[in-house]
Protein backbone atom coordinates (compact mmCIF):
# COMPACT_ATOMS: atom_id res chain seq x y z
CA MET A 1 3.99 -10.01 -23.63
CA LYS A 2 4.69 -12.53 -20.87
CA PHE A 3 3.59 -11.77 -17.33
CA LYS A 4 5.65 -13.04 -14.43
CA LEU A 5 3.52 -15.10 -12.07
CA ALA A 6 3.38 -13.84 -8.49
CA LYS A 7 5.07 -15.99 -5.86
CA THR A 8 2.80 -17.79 -3.41
CA VAL A 9 3.06 -17.26 0.33
CA GLY A 10 1.48 -19.64 2.83
CA ILE A 11 0.65 -18.22 6.25
CA THR A 12 -0.59 -19.43 9.63
CA GLY A 13 -1.90 -17.18 12.39
CA SER A 14 -3.33 -14.59 9.99
CA THR A 15 -6.21 -13.73 12.33
CA GLY A 16 -3.91 -12.78 15.20
CA PHE A 17 -2.72 -9.29 16.14
CA LEU A 18 0.40 -9.36 13.95
CA GLY A 19 -1.07 -11.71 11.37
CA SER A 20 -4.06 -9.50 10.55
CA VAL A 21 -1.80 -6.50 9.86
CA LEU A 22 0.74 -8.51 7.89
CA LYS A 23 -1.98 -10.20 5.82
CA LYS A 24 -3.39 -6.84 4.68
CA LYS A 25 0.06 -5.51 3.77
CA ILE A 26 0.91 -8.58 1.69
CA ILE A 27 -2.44 -8.48 -0.12
CA ASN A 28 -2.18 -4.72 -0.75
CA SER A 29 1.35 -5.07 -2.14
CA ARG A 30 -0.04 -7.23 -5.00
CA LYS A 31 3.39 -8.83 -5.28
CA TYR A 32 2.41 -12.18 -3.77
CA ARG A 33 -0.47 -14.61 -3.82
CA LEU A 34 -1.45 -15.32 -0.23
CA LYS A 35 -2.75 -18.71 0.89
CA ILE A 36 -4.19 -18.64 4.40
CA PHE A 37 -4.43 -21.67 6.67
CA GLU A 38 -7.56 -21.25 8.75
CA GLY A 39 -7.48 -24.62 10.49
CA ASN A 40 -5.75 -26.16 13.47
CA ILE A 41 -1.99 -26.65 13.08
CA THR A 42 -2.11 -29.51 15.60
CA ASN A 43 -4.40 -31.45 13.25
CA LYS A 44 -1.96 -33.37 11.06
CA LEU A 45 -4.55 -34.53 8.54
CA GLU A 46 -6.07 -31.07 8.09
CA LEU A 47 -2.63 -29.53 7.63
CA ARG A 48 -1.51 -32.28 5.22
CA GLU A 49 -4.58 -31.82 3.00
CA TRP A 50 -4.04 -28.05 2.86
CA PHE A 51 -0.42 -28.48 1.81
CA LYS A 52 -1.46 -31.00 -0.87
CA LYS A 53 -3.95 -28.55 -2.36
CA ASN A 54 -1.48 -25.66 -2.48
CA LYS A 55 2.05 -25.09 -3.71
CA PHE A 56 4.06 -22.47 -1.87
CA ASP A 57 7.22 -20.57 -2.66
CA TYR A 58 7.46 -19.02 0.81
CA PHE A 59 5.93 -19.74 4.20
CA ILE A 60 5.24 -17.51 7.22
CA HIS A 61 4.46 -19.26 10.50
CA LEU A 62 2.82 -16.99 13.10
CA ALA A 63 0.26 -19.27 14.75
CA ALA A 64 0.84 -19.63 18.50
CA VAL A 65 -0.64 -19.19 21.95
CA VAL A 66 1.02 -15.89 22.89
CA PRO A 67 -0.11 -14.03 26.04
CA THR A 68 2.08 -15.31 28.90
CA ASN A 69 -0.87 -15.40 31.31
CA LYS A 70 -2.89 -17.56 28.87
CA VAL A 71 0.09 -19.89 28.43
CA LYS A 72 0.48 -20.10 32.20
CA LYS A 73 -3.20 -21.05 32.63
CA ASN A 74 -3.07 -23.70 29.88
CA PRO A 75 0.57 -24.82 29.54
CA SER A 76 -0.32 -28.16 27.95
CA ILE A 77 -2.37 -26.49 25.19
CA ALA A 78 0.38 -23.93 24.59
CA LYS A 79 2.99 -26.69 24.27
CA ILE A 80 0.84 -28.61 21.80
CA ILE A 81 0.19 -25.57 19.60
CA ASN A 82 3.56 -23.80 19.88
CA ILE A 83 5.78 -26.87 19.70
CA THR A 84 3.84 -29.79 18.20
CA GLY A 85 2.07 -27.49 15.74
CA THR A 86 5.42 -26.18 14.54
CA LYS A 87 6.72 -29.73 14.16
CA ASN A 88 3.70 -30.57 12.00
CA ILE A 89 4.38 -27.58 9.75
CA ILE A 90 8.07 -28.45 9.38
CA ARG A 91 7.10 -32.00 8.44
CA GLU A 92 4.88 -30.73 5.61
CA ILE A 93 7.46 -28.17 4.46
CA ASN A 94 10.03 -30.95 4.20
CA LYS A 95 7.65 -32.95 1.99
CA SER A 96 7.18 -29.96 -0.28
CA LYS A 97 9.59 -29.45 -3.18
CA THR A 98 8.76 -25.79 -3.76
CA ILE A 99 9.12 -23.94 -0.44
CA LYS A 100 12.45 -22.15 -0.44
CA TRP A 101 12.03 -19.78 2.52
CA LEU A 102 10.38 -19.93 5.95
CA PHE A 103 9.80 -17.14 8.46
CA TYR A 104 9.15 -18.15 12.05
CA SER A 105 7.78 -15.62 14.51
CA SER A 106 9.64 -16.06 17.78
CA THR A 107 10.02 -13.82 20.82
CA SER A 108 12.40 -11.92 23.08
CA HIS A 109 11.20 -14.24 25.86
CA VAL A 110 13.70 -16.87 24.72
CA TYR A 111 16.51 -14.74 26.16
CA LYS A 112 17.81 -14.27 29.68
CA PHE A 113 16.84 -10.66 30.40
CA ASN A 114 19.42 -8.24 31.78
CA ASN A 115 20.40 -4.56 31.78
CA LYS A 116 22.57 -4.87 28.67
CA LYS A 117 21.51 -4.85 25.05
CA ILE A 118 20.45 -8.31 23.98
CA LYS A 119 22.16 -9.70 20.90
CA GLU A 120 21.10 -12.71 18.86
CA THR A 121 24.01 -14.59 20.42
CA SER A 122 22.99 -13.69 23.98
CA ILE A 123 22.20 -16.42 26.53
CA LYS A 124 18.91 -18.23 25.89
CA LYS A 125 17.21 -18.78 29.25
CA PRO A 126 13.43 -18.27 29.07
CA PHE A 127 11.77 -17.12 32.31
CA SER A 128 8.26 -18.04 31.14
CA ILE A 129 6.55 -21.16 29.82
CA TYR A 130 5.74 -19.18 26.69
CA GLY A 131 9.43 -18.42 26.11
CA LYS A 132 10.32 -22.07 26.65
CA THR A 133 7.77 -23.25 24.07
CA LYS A 134 9.05 -20.74 21.49
CA LEU A 135 12.69 -21.70 22.09
CA LYS A 136 11.84 -25.39 21.64
CA ALA A 137 10.03 -24.54 18.40
CA GLU A 138 13.13 -22.67 17.20
CA MET A 139 15.28 -25.71 17.99
CA CYS A 140 12.84 -27.93 16.10
CA ILE A 141 13.21 -25.77 12.99
CA LYS A 142 17.01 -25.69 13.18
CA LYS A 143 17.27 -29.42 13.74
CA ASN A 144 14.65 -30.74 11.34
CA ILE A 145 14.12 -28.42 8.38
CA ASN A 146 15.47 -29.64 5.03
CA ASN A 147 18.58 -28.16 3.41
CA LYS A 148 16.61 -26.69 0.48
CA THR A 149 14.51 -24.36 2.66
CA LYS A 150 16.20 -21.28 4.09
CA PHE A 151 14.74 -20.23 7.40
CA CYS A 152 14.53 -16.89 9.15
CA ILE A 153 13.73 -16.61 12.86
CA GLY A 154 12.48 -13.21 13.98
CA ARG A 155 12.64 -12.64 17.75
CA ILE A 156 10.05 -9.95 18.28
CA PHE A 157 10.26 -7.76 21.38
CA SER A 158 7.30 -5.92 22.98
CA LEU A 159 4.82 -5.71 20.11
CA GLU A 160 2.37 -2.83 20.35
CA GLY A 161 -0.63 -1.25 18.62
CA LYS A 162 -4.01 -0.03 19.82
CA GLN A 163 -5.81 -3.21 18.70
CA LYS A 164 -3.74 -5.35 21.06
CA ASP A 165 -5.44 -7.47 23.72
CA LYS A 166 -5.78 -5.95 27.21
CA ASN A 167 -3.82 -8.90 28.64
CA TYR A 168 -0.63 -7.13 27.60
CA PHE A 169 1.29 -4.40 29.43
CA ILE A 170 0.35 -1.08 27.77
CA PRO A 171 -3.27 -2.07 26.97
CA GLY A 172 -3.51 -3.09 30.64
CA LEU A 173 -2.35 0.39 31.64
CA VAL A 174 -4.97 1.95 29.37
CA LYS A 175 -7.67 -0.13 31.06
CA LYS A 176 -6.53 1.00 34.53
CA ILE A 177 -6.36 4.65 33.46
CA LYS A 178 -9.89 4.49 32.04
CA GLU A 179 -11.17 2.89 35.24
CA LYS A 180 -9.17 5.34 37.40
CA LYS A 181 -7.46 2.49 39.18
CA ILE A 182 -4.10 2.68 40.96
CA ILE A 183 -1.21 1.59 38.73
CA ASN A 184 1.16 -0.39 40.92
CA LEU A 185 4.35 -0.61 38.91
CA ASP A 186 8.11 -0.81 39.29
CA GLY A 187 9.08 2.28 37.34
CA SER A 188 12.71 1.22 37.05
CA LEU A 189 11.83 -1.75 34.85
CA PHE A 190 12.04 -1.28 31.09
CA ARG A 191 11.13 -2.85 27.76
CA ASP A 192 11.81 -2.48 24.07
CA PHE A 193 8.53 -1.45 22.43
CA ILE A 194 7.92 -1.79 18.69
CA HIS A 195 4.80 -1.04 16.68
CA VAL A 196 3.01 -3.83 14.80
CA GLU A 197 3.19 -1.85 11.55
CA ASP A 198 6.99 -1.78 11.74
CA VAL A 199 7.13 -5.51 12.44
CA ALA A 200 4.85 -6.33 9.49
CA ASP A 201 6.97 -4.11 7.22
CA VAL A 202 10.24 -5.78 8.21
CA ILE A 203 8.81 -9.28 7.73
CA ILE A 204 7.85 -8.33 4.17
CA LYS A 205 11.36 -6.96 3.62
CA LEU A 206 12.89 -10.17 4.97
CA LEU A 207 10.58 -12.09 2.62
CA LYS A 208 11.57 -9.98 -0.37
CA ASN A 209 15.26 -10.60 0.32
CA GLU A 210 14.77 -14.25 1.33
CA THR A 211 16.89 -13.39 4.35
CA LYS A 212 18.11 -16.32 6.41
CA GLY A 213 19.30 -16.44 10.00
CA GLU A 214 18.18 -15.25 13.43
CA TYR A 215 17.28 -11.60 14.01
CA ASN A 216 16.02 -9.37 16.77
CA ILE A 217 13.01 -7.38 15.64
CA ALA A 218 12.72 -4.42 17.96
CA SER A 219 13.18 -0.67 18.32
CA GLY A 220 16.61 -1.08 19.88
CA GLU A 221 15.58 1.52 22.47
CA LYS A 222 15.31 1.14 26.23
CA THR A 223 12.09 2.64 27.60
CA GLU A 224 11.58 2.67 31.37
CA PHE A 225 8.07 2.23 32.74
CA THR A 226 8.26 5.66 34.42
CA GLU A 227 8.75 7.15 30.96
CA ILE A 228 5.59 5.38 29.77
CA ILE A 229 3.64 6.93 32.65
CA LYS A 230 5.07 10.40 31.88
CA ILE A 231 4.11 10.17 28.21
CA PHE A 232 0.58 9.00 29.08
CA LYS A 233 0.18 11.96 31.46
CA LYS A 234 1.35 14.41 28.82
CA VAL A 235 -0.56 12.99 25.87
CA SER A 236 -3.84 12.07 27.57
CA LYS A 237 -3.95 15.05 29.97
CA LYS A 238 -5.59 12.76 32.48
CA LYS A 239 -4.79 12.25 36.13
CA LEU A 240 -2.95 8.99 36.71
CA PHE A 241 -2.87 7.15 40.00
CA PHE A 242 0.65 5.73 39.95
CA ASN A 243 2.34 3.90 42.78
CA ASP A 244 6.03 3.18 42.16
CA ILE A 245 6.85 -0.15 43.79
CA LYS A 246 9.90 -2.36 43.77
CA SER A 247 9.57 -5.65 41.97
CA LEU A 248 11.45 -8.79 42.99
CA ASN A 249 11.37 -10.19 39.47
CA SER A 250 13.03 -8.22 36.69
CA MET A 251 11.60 -8.84 33.23
CA SER A 252 13.49 -5.99 31.64
CA GLY A 253 15.26 -6.19 28.31
CA TYR A 254 16.05 -4.31 25.12
CA ALA A 255 17.55 -5.36 21.84
CA ASP A 256 20.64 -4.86 19.79
CA ILE A 257 19.25 -4.52 16.25
CA SER A 258 22.57 -3.90 14.49
CA LYS A 259 22.50 -7.33 12.82
CA ILE A 260 19.19 -6.82 11.00
CA ASN A 261 20.07 -3.20 10.23
CA LYS A 262 23.32 -4.28 8.61
CA LYS A 263 21.73 -7.20 6.76
CA ILE A 264 18.73 -5.48 5.15
CA ASN A 265 19.22 -1.81 6.09
CA TRP A 266 16.17 -1.65 8.35
CA THR A 267 15.26 0.51 11.32
CA PRO A 268 11.76 1.00 12.76
CA LYS A 269 9.91 4.24 12.01
CA ILE A 270 7.35 4.52 14.82
CA LYS A 271 8.64 5.86 18.14
CA ILE A 272 7.29 5.12 21.62
CA LYS A 273 5.66 8.57 21.86
CA HIS A 274 3.58 7.82 18.78
CA ILE A 275 2.66 4.40 20.18
CA ILE A 276 1.39 5.97 23.42
CA LYS A 277 -0.45 8.69 21.46
CA GLU A 278 -2.25 5.98 19.51
CA TYR A 279 -3.25 4.17 22.71
CA SER A 280 -4.42 7.47 24.24
CA GLN A 281 -7.13 7.64 21.59
CA LEU A 282 -8.81 4.79 23.46
CA LEU A 283 -9.10 6.77 26.69
């Protein structure tokens, strides 16, 4: 009896928030052999040697400097990692004769935010340095990747889960609630929150189908910040010190996910109430 050899998946950024969850899911599925790059993607020689030692069927590129405040503090480092690092990976993929599919983890920050649902064809006008670096990396892939490798760009909206760094919005709220600090927030602003487990699941589904193209990965639901506060009050049963202020800069946005739903029949399972309930366990 002949056994079919498992396909090999190469991955960068496996120690990050999304990467650590995705790595476990791929390993537990036992459908793929996972090869993890643990080095520096800006080091051409290190990356080249790793590609020479391994043959990949698929590749998932997650490595990046992500928190917008960290990018703002070190824009040059973020540009080198997010843009130059991606260029280095594309160069090695193009040399390979086996890689037939690439997934690139992008962000909602590449879009111009507004009050309407954001489609994949919506205007690309990043408001942050982080968004600009990710959009340039997307353009690098589109322009330079070889014709034999199909690529999939997943624009992930507000990624959540209780292990997320406190530099982000909801973990930052949790920190303030624990410390009984005043939460100064424009309650009219909104985001599209999606759980890390849902994102990891859809990436695996995109991998399985070798799906190509650009897709929003999000809940498709508009959640105002006042709703977040209300849910925290209800779930945690703690007193919150909330001051509703008006913000001059709107960073609101939510996604149209009809394209990915139609393509691979996917919708997220974890709702915002469950996300807040999970965070409340940290209080």
